[in-house]
């Protein structure tokens, strides 16, 4: 298993805190957001992790090193250095493809999801399927009440199934979904999800554990006040 942690964003809504610190390096309950993911990935048996970076990207190698203290090998995909800025989610994945395998985990560096298990059995089942992606979905938060996708009875993401849930920014993906994106292209993930959905090759599963999109100072304060 390999994994990509998305850590390239600017974190505009959390300024001025993110003027000097990338959002994944902000501390939540005593440790950096990204460390929660690194520990979870290591527990699950992942040994190779790619971290994509852009904003204040020099801070990531300085903070995380080569990953050895987590039992991991961390490689960095420098979008700022190589392309002048973040490439959005699909563009960032496309740039990192040479560092990833045919199937890989993707998790956003700015979500707090301490109980999620990057299950090797889920990875194996996905790798042996014809799916292009598998999304973990959560109940809709107040700031995103309409959700993203529903889940059909046979476990596929759907525009029409009710109720709709919010993508937890955790998923499994196949390299072929992004192989046609020229390296350096800035591209959001949604068009690729729509493509996989139209082919009935986008799976979805509900996740009921703790989850927070740490997107505002208020949400950060709420997490730290209940530590």
Foldseek 3Di string as FASTA:
>chain_A
DEEEEEQADQLVQAPPVSVPPGQQQDDFQHGGLQVLVLLQCVVQPHAEYEYEYARVRVVVCVVCPLVVVSNHGYDYQYCCVPQNGDQADLLRCQSCVVVDDQKYKYAYSQKHFNPDHPHPVVRVVLVPDPAFKEFEWEADDPVGNQADFDADPVFATHPPDPDHTHTLRIMMGGNVLRNPPPRNHRDYCVVSQVVRNVVRRYGYHYDYGDMDRNSHPVSSVVSRVVD
